[in-house]
Amino acid sequence: MAGFGTGPVADHELIEDCPTFGVFTLHKAGALEPGSTSTWRWPNGLVVVVCAGLGGITLLTGGSEQRIEIVRLRTRLGYQPLFVCSECKQKRAKVHERGGVWLCRICLGLEHASRHRNRWMTYSSVGRMLDLVERRSRSL
């Protein structure tokens, strides 16, 4: 994982480049109803079959199978489904695929691309640039 000021991050470490399942997308599509089966395709050619059962889903990807638990969190407006990451056991709204494994972004070490745009420009450097422009405009 890259640290602050180390430059761009490799593409395979960005969330935007990894297939993602959102629990709300699956819920809206009816793919979380026990007994339902649905097929999902990504632009990179990945095809995943989602088989829903009681308390979770099974993801079938090119011969491999992974079970992901789903819990229902009680809210003021009813119940909200959430994935339970297989690695850290935390409740998450999304799981991402990397290397044939579906986990949360933290366990996979993924980051958003927007975190790495213009990281070389800090607030102090922006302030210095504005001061320089202001001084130059006064001298003209």
C-alpha atoms as a PDB file:
ATOM      1  CA  MET A   1       0.000   0.000   0.000  1.00  0.00           C
ATOM      2  CA  ALA A   2       1.358   3.427  -0.882  1.00  0.00           C
ATOM      3  CA  GLY A   3       1.940   6.060   1.761  1.00  0.00           C
ATOM      4  CA  PHE A   4       1.331   9.789   1.645  1.00  0.00           C
ATOM      5  CA  GLY A   5       3.356  11.508  -1.058  1.00  0.00           C
ATOM      6  CA  THR A   6       4.632   8.320  -2.704  1.00  0.00           C
ATOM      7  CA  GLY A   7       2.955   9.021  -6.031  1.00  0.00           C
ATOM      8  CA  PRO A   8       0.354   7.094  -7.992  1.00  0.00           C
ATOM      9  CA  VAL A   9      -1.007   3.766  -6.786  1.00  0.00           C
ATOM     10  CA  ALA A  10      -0.901   0.688  -9.009  1.00  0.00           C
ATOM     11  CA  ASP A  11      -4.217  -0.011 -10.763  1.00  0.00           C
ATOM     12  CA  HIS A  12      -4.760  -3.328  -8.987  1.00  0.00           C
ATOM     13  CA  GLU A  13      -4.970  -1.518  -5.638  1.00  0.00           C
ATOM     14  CA  LEU A  14      -7.904   0.729  -6.596  1.00  0.00           C
ATOM     15  CA  ILE A  15     -11.542  -0.033  -5.813  1.00  0.00           C
ATOM     16  CA  GLU A  16     -12.593   1.307  -9.195  1.00  0.00           C
ATOM     17  CA  ASP A  17     -10.703  -1.495 -10.945  1.00  0.00           C
ATOM     18  CA  CYS A  18     -12.197  -4.359  -8.914  1.00  0.00           C
ATOM     19  CA  PRO A  19     -15.600  -6.021  -9.374  1.00  0.00           C
ATOM     20  CA  THR A  20     -17.885  -5.007  -6.514  1.00  0.00           C
ATOM     21  CA  PHE A  21     -21.091  -6.369  -5.009  1.00  0.00           C
ATOM     22  CA  GLY A  22     -23.267  -3.921  -3.105  1.00  0.00           C
ATOM     23  CA  VAL A  23     -25.739  -5.489  -0.726  1.00  0.00           C
ATOM     24  CA  PHE A  24     -28.360  -2.850  -1.628  1.00  0.00           C
ATOM     25  CA  THR A  25     -27.999  -3.581  -5.366  1.00  0.00           C
ATOM     26  CA  LEU A  26     -28.527  -7.276  -4.731  1.00  0.00           C
ATOM     27  CA  HIS A  27     -31.464  -6.518  -2.427  1.00  0.00           C
ATOM     28  CA  LYS A  28     -33.165  -4.286  -5.027  1.00  0.00           C
ATOM     29  CA  ALA A  29     -32.693  -6.968  -7.705  1.00  0.00           C
ATOM     30  CA  GLY A  30     -34.292  -9.593  -5.441  1.00  0.00           C
ATOM     31  CA  ALA A  31     -31.067 -11.626  -5.397  1.00  0.00           C
ATOM     32  CA  LEU A  32     -31.085 -11.946  -1.594  1.00  0.00           C
ATOM     33  CA  GLU A  33     -34.377 -13.851  -1.394  1.00  0.00           C
ATOM     34  CA  PRO A  34     -33.668 -17.398  -0.171  1.00  0.00           C
ATOM     35  CA  GLY A  35     -33.700 -19.839  -3.079  1.00  0.00           C
ATOM     36  CA  SER A  36     -33.047 -17.211  -5.759  1.00  0.00           C
ATOM     37  CA  THR A  37     -30.213 -17.547  -8.276  1.00  0.00           C
ATOM     38  CA  SER A  38     -28.913 -14.728 -10.464  1.00  0.00           C
ATOM     39  CA  THR A  39     -25.984 -14.180 -12.829  1.00  0.00           C
ATOM     40  CA  TRP A  40     -23.867 -11.004 -12.791  1.00  0.00           C
ATOM     41  CA  ARG A  41     -21.339  -9.933 -15.440  1.00  0.00           C
ATOM     42  CA  TRP A  42     -18.591  -7.303 -15.331  1.00  0.00           C
ATOM     43  CA  PRO A  43     -16.871  -5.512 -18.241  1.00  0.00           C
ATOM     44  CA  ASN A  44     -13.596  -7.335 -17.493  1.00  0.00           C
ATOM     45  CA  GLY A  45     -15.286 -10.644 -18.368  1.00  0.00           C
ATOM     46  CA  LEU A  46     -15.918 -11.897 -14.826  1.00  0.00           C
ATOM     47  CA  VAL A  47     -19.166 -13.847 -14.469  1.00  0.00           C
ATOM     48  CA  VAL A  48     -20.545 -14.594 -10.997  1.00  0.00           C
ATOM     49  CA  VAL A  49     -23.571 -16.695 -10.102  1.00  0.00           C
ATOM     50  CA  VAL A  50     -25.225 -15.641  -6.840  1.00  0.00           C
ATOM     51  CA  CYS A  51     -27.199 -18.296  -4.977  1.00  0.00           C
ATOM     52  CA  ALA A  52     -29.098 -16.933  -1.984  1.00  0.00           C
ATOM     53  CA  GLY A  53     -29.872 -19.027   1.046  1.00  0.00           C
ATOM     54  CA  LEU A  54     -30.873 -18.453   4.640  1.00  0.00           C
ATOM     55  CA  GLY A  55     -28.419 -16.082   6.295  1.00  0.00           C
ATOM     56  CA  GLY A  56     -26.181 -15.486   3.302  1.00  0.00           C
ATOM     57  CA  ILE A  57     -25.228 -15.912  -0.320  1.00  0.00           C
ATOM     58  CA  THR A  58     -22.895 -18.235  -2.191  1.00  0.00           C
ATOM     59  CA  LEU A  59     -20.804 -16.745  -5.000  1.00  0.00           C
ATOM     60  CA  LEU A  60     -19.829 -19.141  -7.788  1.00  0.00           C
ATOM     61  CA  THR A  61     -16.950 -17.772  -9.860  1.00  0.00           C
ATOM     62  CA  GLY A  62     -15.282 -19.928 -12.509  1.00  0.00           C
ATOM     63  CA  GLY A  63     -15.224 -23.120 -10.449  1.00  0.00           C
ATOM     64  CA  SER A  64     -14.584 -21.516  -7.052  1.00  0.00           C
ATOM     65  CA  GLU A  65     -17.250 -21.076  -4.416  1.00  0.00           C
ATOM     66  CA  GLN A  66     -17.383 -18.586  -1.544  1.00  0.00           C
ATOM     67  CA  ARG A  67     -20.052 -18.159   1.101  1.00  0.00           C
ATOM     68  CA  ILE A  68     -20.734 -14.653   2.427  1.00  0.00           C
ATOM     69  CA  GLU A  69     -22.895 -14.206   5.496  1.00  0.00           C
ATOM     70  CA  ILE A  70     -25.600 -11.536   5.478  1.00  0.00           C
ATOM     71  CA  VAL A  71     -27.029 -10.030   8.649  1.00  0.00           C
ATOM     72  CA  ARG A  72     -30.038  -7.784   8.981  1.00  0.00           C
ATOM     73  CA  LEU A  73     -29.354  -4.708  11.071  1.00  0.00           C
ATOM     74  CA  ARG A  74     -32.388  -3.174  12.764  1.00  0.00           C
ATOM     75  CA  THR A  75     -32.838   0.526  12.016  1.00  0.00           C
ATOM     76  CA  ARG A  76     -35.605   3.046  12.733  1.00  0.00           C
ATOM     77  CA  LEU A  77     -37.070   2.339   9.293  1.00  0.00           C
ATOM     78  CA  GLY A  78     -36.919  -1.459   9.407  1.00  0.00           C
ATOM     79  CA  TYR A  79     -34.078  -3.815   8.605  1.00  0.00           C
ATOM     80  CA  GLN A  80     -30.951  -3.129   6.584  1.00  0.00           C
ATOM     81  CA  PRO A  81     -29.049  -6.073   5.065  1.00  0.00           C
ATOM     82  CA  LEU A  82     -25.245  -6.013   5.371  1.00  0.00           C
ATOM     83  CA  PHE A  83     -22.477  -8.393   4.327  1.00  0.00           C
ATOM     84  CA  VAL A  84     -20.172  -9.840   6.973  1.00  0.00           C
ATOM     85  CA  CYS A  85     -16.592  -9.818   5.660  1.00  0.00           C
ATOM     86  CA  SER A  86     -15.205 -13.366   5.728  1.00  0.00           C
ATOM     87  CA  GLU A  87     -11.807 -12.104   6.911  1.00  0.00           C
ATOM     88  CA  CYS A  88     -12.381  -9.385   9.551  1.00  0.00           C
ATOM     89  CA  LYS A  89     -16.022 -10.282  10.425  1.00  0.00           C
ATOM     90  CA  GLN A  90     -17.091  -6.621  10.174  1.00  0.00           C
ATOM     91  CA  LYS A  91     -20.450  -5.600   8.706  1.00  0.00           C
ATOM     92  CA  ARG A  92     -19.998  -4.015   5.262  1.00  0.00           C
ATOM     93  CA  ALA A  93     -22.289  -2.668   2.538  1.00  0.00           C
ATOM     94  CA  LYS A  94     -19.917  -3.823  -0.236  1.00  0.00           C
ATOM     95  CA  VAL A  95     -17.497  -6.642  -0.976  1.00  0.00           C
ATOM     96  CA  HIS A  96     -14.850  -6.539  -3.691  1.00  0.00           C
ATOM     97  CA  GLU A  97     -13.134  -9.267  -5.716  1.00  0.00           C
ATOM     98  CA  ARG A  98      -9.380  -9.515  -5.972  1.00  0.00           C
ATOM     99  CA  GLY A  99      -7.487 -12.683  -6.772  1.00  0.00           C
ATOM    100  CA  GLY A 100     -10.667 -14.790  -6.765  1.00  0.00           C
ATOM    101  CA  VAL A 101     -11.602 -13.793  -3.186  1.00  0.00           C
ATOM    102  CA  TRP A 102     -14.490 -11.537  -2.152  1.00  0.00           C
ATOM    103  CA  LEU A 103     -13.692  -9.387   0.915  1.00  0.00           C
ATOM    104  CA  CYS A 104     -14.176  -5.831   2.185  1.00  0.00           C
ATOM    105  CA  ARG A 105     -11.950  -3.055   0.825  1.00  0.00           C
ATOM    106  CA  ILE A 106      -9.924  -2.812   4.033  1.00  0.00           C
ATOM    107  CA  CYS A 107      -9.001  -6.503   4.073  1.00  0.00           C
ATOM    108  CA  LEU A 108      -8.022  -6.334   0.385  1.00  0.00           C
ATOM    109  CA  GLY A 109      -6.014  -3.122   0.912  1.00  0.00           C
ATOM    110  CA  LEU A 110      -8.018  -1.206  -1.715  1.00  0.00           C
ATOM    111  CA  GLU A 111      -8.310   2.568  -1.913  1.00  0.00           C
ATOM    112  CA  HIS A 112     -10.375   5.049  -3.923  1.00  0.00           C
ATOM    113  CA  ALA A 113      -8.587   6.692  -6.869  1.00  0.00           C
ATOM    114  CA  SER A 114      -9.723  10.120  -5.673  1.00  0.00           C
ATOM    115  CA  ARG A 115      -7.479   9.759  -2.621  1.00  0.00           C
ATOM    116  CA  HIS A 116      -4.450   9.852  -4.909  1.00  0.00           C
ATOM    117  CA  ARG A 117      -5.267  12.760  -7.216  1.00  0.00           C
ATOM    118  CA  ASN A 118      -2.991  15.751  -6.691  1.00  0.00           C
ATOM    119  CA  ARG A 119      -1.668  14.436  -3.389  1.00  0.00           C
ATOM    120  CA  TRP A 120       1.573  16.287  -3.988  1.00  0.00           C
ATOM    121  CA  MET A 121      -0.259  19.594  -3.454  1.00  0.00           C
ATOM    122  CA  THR A 122      -0.848  20.174   0.238  1.00  0.00           C
ATOM    123  CA  TYR A 123      -2.809  23.014   1.794  1.00  0.00           C
ATOM    124  CA  SER A 124       0.389  24.799   2.764  1.00  0.00           C
ATOM    125  CA  SER A 125       1.733  24.677  -0.799  1.00  0.00           C
ATOM    126  CA  VAL A 126      -1.576  26.012  -2.131  1.00  0.00           C
ATOM    127  CA  GLY A 127      -1.402  28.861   0.389  1.00  0.00           C
ATOM    128  CA  ARG A 128       2.157  29.696  -0.688  1.00  0.00           C
ATOM    129  CA  MET A 129       1.105  29.716  -4.328  1.00  0.00           C
ATOM    130  CA  LEU A 130      -1.827  32.054  -3.609  1.00  0.00           C
ATOM    131  CA  ASP A 131       0.445  34.406  -1.647  1.00  0.00           C
ATOM    132  CA  LEU A 132       2.913  34.459  -4.547  1.00  0.00           C
ATOM    133  CA  VAL A 133       0.171  35.243  -7.084  1.00  0.00           C
ATOM    134  CA  GLU A 134      -1.215  37.986  -4.834  1.00  0.00           C
ATOM    135  CA  ARG A 135       2.247  39.581  -4.393  1.00  0.00           C
ATOM    136  CA  ARG A 136       2.897  39.480  -8.115  1.00  0.00           C
ATOM    137  CA  SER A 137      -0.463  41.039  -8.934  1.00  0.00           C
ATOM    138  CA  ARG A 138       0.267  43.909  -6.492  1.00  0.00           C
ATOM    139  CA  SER A 139       3.629  44.593  -8.116  1.00  0.00           C
ATOM    140  CA  LEU A 140       2.058  44.974 -11.582  1.00  0.00           C
END
